[in-house]
């Protein structure tokens, strides 16, 4: 799945809600891929695990570089977006946490 708000992304759903895990997706982010555009926020938190590659994640105005085998937590109700700044496709496991991840 890919769309205009996530150019250079393709998604494969892995699971739907299981207790506090709202959903999980595997994202393939092509070189230069980014999204969501514009940055968004919602009432659930995210945990992103970079399986291969490197991504830049913006949470509000702060940029975080996340490398292979690293994770980043995005709290609920915080504007966020990401970008693949490299020349290699990044594989990222995205887990959305129900209830804001509290």
C-alpha atoms as a PDB file:
ATOM      1  CA  UNK A   1       0.000   0.000   0.000  1.00  0.00           C
ATOM      2  CA  UNK A   2       1.329   3.474  -0.886  1.00  0.00           C
ATOM      3  CA  UNK A   3      -0.334   6.846  -1.314  1.00  0.00           C
ATOM      4  CA  UNK A   4       0.328  10.545  -1.878  1.00  0.00           C
ATOM      5  CA  UNK A   5       0.798  11.253   1.828  1.00  0.00           C
ATOM      6  CA  UNK A   6       3.658   8.709   2.007  1.00  0.00           C
ATOM      7  CA  UNK A   7       5.714   9.054  -1.220  1.00  0.00           C
ATOM      8  CA  UNK A   8       8.319   6.322  -1.556  1.00  0.00           C
ATOM      9  CA  UNK A   9       6.669   4.098   1.082  1.00  0.00           C
ATOM     10  CA  UNK A  10       5.071   0.710   0.701  1.00  0.00           C
ATOM     11  CA  UNK A  11       3.271  -0.915   3.620  1.00  0.00           C
ATOM     12  CA  UNK A  12       2.292  -4.448   4.480  1.00  0.00           C
ATOM     13  CA  UNK A  13      -0.072  -4.885   7.435  1.00  0.00           C
ATOM     14  CA  UNK A  14       1.214  -7.505   9.888  1.00  0.00           C
ATOM     15  CA  UNK A  15      -1.518  -7.552  12.528  1.00  0.00           C
ATOM     16  CA  UNK A  16      -4.560  -5.697  13.787  1.00  0.00           C
ATOM     17  CA  UNK A  17      -5.381  -4.901  17.407  1.00  0.00           C
ATOM     18  CA  UNK A  18      -4.168  -7.399  19.990  1.00  0.00           C
ATOM     19  CA  UNK A  19      -4.735  -6.020  23.497  1.00  0.00           C
ATOM     20  CA  UNK A  20      -2.671  -2.775  23.732  1.00  0.00           C
ATOM     21  CA  UNK A  21      -1.101  -3.228  20.296  1.00  0.00           C
ATOM     22  CA  UNK A  22      -3.445  -1.389  17.950  1.00  0.00           C
ATOM     23  CA  UNK A  23      -1.754  -2.464  14.702  1.00  0.00           C
ATOM     24  CA  UNK A  24       1.578  -3.351  13.156  1.00  0.00           C
ATOM     25  CA  UNK A  25       2.956  -2.701   9.683  1.00  0.00           C
ATOM     26  CA  UNK A  26       6.149  -3.413   7.805  1.00  0.00           C
ATOM     27  CA  UNK A  27       7.181  -0.323   5.821  1.00  0.00           C
ATOM     28  CA  UNK A  28       9.668  -0.298   2.972  1.00  0.00           C
ATOM     29  CA  UNK A  29      10.927   3.258   2.562  1.00  0.00           C
ATOM     30  CA  UNK A  30      12.716   3.948  -0.708  1.00  0.00           C
ATOM     31  CA  UNK A  31      15.673   6.340  -0.891  1.00  0.00           C
ATOM     32  CA  UNK A  32      14.221   9.819  -0.444  1.00  0.00           C
ATOM     33  CA  UNK A  33      10.859   8.396   0.707  1.00  0.00           C
ATOM     34  CA  UNK A  34       9.043  10.382   3.366  1.00  0.00           C
ATOM     35  CA  UNK A  35       5.782  10.671   5.196  1.00  0.00           C
ATOM     36  CA  UNK A  36       3.278  11.339   6.364  1.00  0.00           C
ATOM     37  CA  UNK A  37       2.964  14.598   4.461  1.00  0.00           C
ATOM     38  CA  UNK A  38       2.147  16.879   6.049  1.00  0.00           C
ATOM     39  CA  UNK A  39       3.343  15.704   9.489  1.00  0.00           C
ATOM     40  CA  UNK A  40       0.440  14.511  11.585  1.00  0.00           C
ATOM     41  CA  UNK A  41      -0.517  13.608  15.130  1.00  0.00           C
ATOM     42  CA  UNK A  42      -3.135  11.339  16.662  1.00  0.00           C
ATOM     43  CA  UNK A  43      -4.154   9.891  20.004  1.00  0.00           C
ATOM     44  CA  UNK A  44      -2.062   6.728  19.736  1.00  0.00           C
ATOM     45  CA  UNK A  45       1.672   6.330  20.222  1.00  0.00           C
ATOM     46  CA  UNK A  46       4.074   4.632  17.796  1.00  0.00           C
ATOM     47  CA  UNK A  47       7.114   2.459  18.242  1.00  0.00           C
ATOM     48  CA  UNK A  48       9.322   2.265  15.148  1.00  0.00           C
ATOM     49  CA  UNK A  49      11.995  -0.450  14.861  1.00  0.00           C
ATOM     50  CA  UNK A  50      14.486   0.024  12.031  1.00  0.00           C
ATOM     51  CA  UNK A  51      15.216  -3.463  10.693  1.00  0.00           C
ATOM     52  CA  UNK A  52      17.571  -2.310   7.910  1.00  0.00           C
ATOM     53  CA  UNK A  53      18.843   1.095   6.853  1.00  0.00           C
ATOM     54  CA  UNK A  54      18.566   4.498   8.505  1.00  0.00           C
ATOM     55  CA  UNK A  55      15.642   6.903   8.835  1.00  0.00           C
ATOM     56  CA  UNK A  56      15.256  10.415  10.170  1.00  0.00           C
ATOM     57  CA  UNK A  57      12.208  10.868  12.401  1.00  0.00           C
ATOM     58  CA  UNK A  58      10.920  14.316  13.322  1.00  0.00           C
ATOM     59  CA  UNK A  59       8.915  14.540  16.538  1.00  0.00           C
ATOM     60  CA  UNK A  60       7.563  18.072  16.759  1.00  0.00           C
ATOM     61  CA  UNK A  61      10.643  20.076  15.623  1.00  0.00           C
ATOM     62  CA  UNK A  62      13.323  17.632  16.859  1.00  0.00           C
ATOM     63  CA  UNK A  63      15.106  15.429  14.303  1.00  0.00           C
ATOM     64  CA  UNK A  64      16.247  11.943  15.385  1.00  0.00           C
ATOM     65  CA  UNK A  65      18.424   9.695  13.202  1.00  0.00           C
ATOM     66  CA  UNK A  66      17.508   6.047  13.791  1.00  0.00           C
ATOM     67  CA  UNK A  67      19.830   3.337  12.495  1.00  0.00           C
ATOM     68  CA  UNK A  68      19.475  -0.375  11.842  1.00  0.00           C
ATOM     69  CA  UNK A  69      18.480  -2.315  14.997  1.00  0.00           C
ATOM     70  CA  UNK A  70      17.465   0.871  16.832  1.00  0.00           C
ATOM     71  CA  UNK A  71      14.001   1.963  17.946  1.00  0.00           C
ATOM     72  CA  UNK A  72      12.241   5.249  18.523  1.00  0.00           C
ATOM     73  CA  UNK A  73       9.089   5.951  20.510  1.00  0.00           C
ATOM     74  CA  UNK A  74       6.691   8.659  19.324  1.00  0.00           C
ATOM     75  CA  UNK A  75       4.300   9.684  22.117  1.00  0.00           C
ATOM     76  CA  UNK A  76       0.612  10.189  21.386  1.00  0.00           C
ATOM     77  CA  UNK A  77      -0.519  13.647  20.286  1.00  0.00           C
ATOM     78  CA  UNK A  78       2.932  14.685  18.989  1.00  0.00           C
ATOM     79  CA  UNK A  79       3.388  15.802  15.386  1.00  0.00           C
ATOM     80  CA  UNK A  80       5.660  13.401  13.542  1.00  0.00           C
ATOM     81  CA  UNK A  81       6.985  12.422  10.131  1.00  0.00           C
ATOM     82  CA  UNK A  82       9.945  10.447   8.774  1.00  0.00           C
ATOM     83  CA  UNK A  83      12.356  10.416   5.836  1.00  0.00           C
ATOM     84  CA  UNK A  84      14.890   7.998   4.359  1.00  0.00           C
ATOM     85  CA  UNK A  85      17.966  10.200   3.695  1.00  0.00           C
ATOM     86  CA  UNK A  86      20.102   7.356   2.309  1.00  0.00           C
ATOM     87  CA  UNK A  87      20.581   5.662  -1.045  1.00  0.00           C
ATOM     88  CA  UNK A  88      19.276   2.327   0.315  1.00  0.00           C
ATOM     89  CA  UNK A  89      15.748   1.134   1.065  1.00  0.00           C
ATOM     90  CA  UNK A  90      14.942   1.107   4.797  1.00  0.00           C
ATOM     91  CA  UNK A  91      12.753  -1.594   6.351  1.00  0.00           C
ATOM     92  CA  UNK A  92      10.842  -0.369   9.401  1.00  0.00           C
ATOM     93  CA  UNK A  93       8.462  -2.188  11.732  1.00  0.00           C
ATOM     94  CA  UNK A  94       5.807   0.261  12.918  1.00  0.00           C
ATOM     95  CA  UNK A  95       3.690  -0.612  15.930  1.00  0.00           C
ATOM     96  CA  UNK A  96       0.769   1.601  16.922  1.00  0.00           C
ATOM     97  CA  UNK A  97      -0.086   1.449  20.616  1.00  0.00           C
ATOM     98  CA  UNK A  98      -3.719   1.739  21.704  1.00  0.00           C
ATOM     99  CA  UNK A  99      -4.540   4.224  24.429  1.00  0.00           C
ATOM    100  CA  UNK A 100      -1.523   6.413  23.721  1.00  0.00           C
ATOM    101  CA  UNK A 101       0.979   3.816  24.929  1.00  0.00           C
ATOM    102  CA  UNK A 102       0.607   4.858  28.564  1.00  0.00           C
END
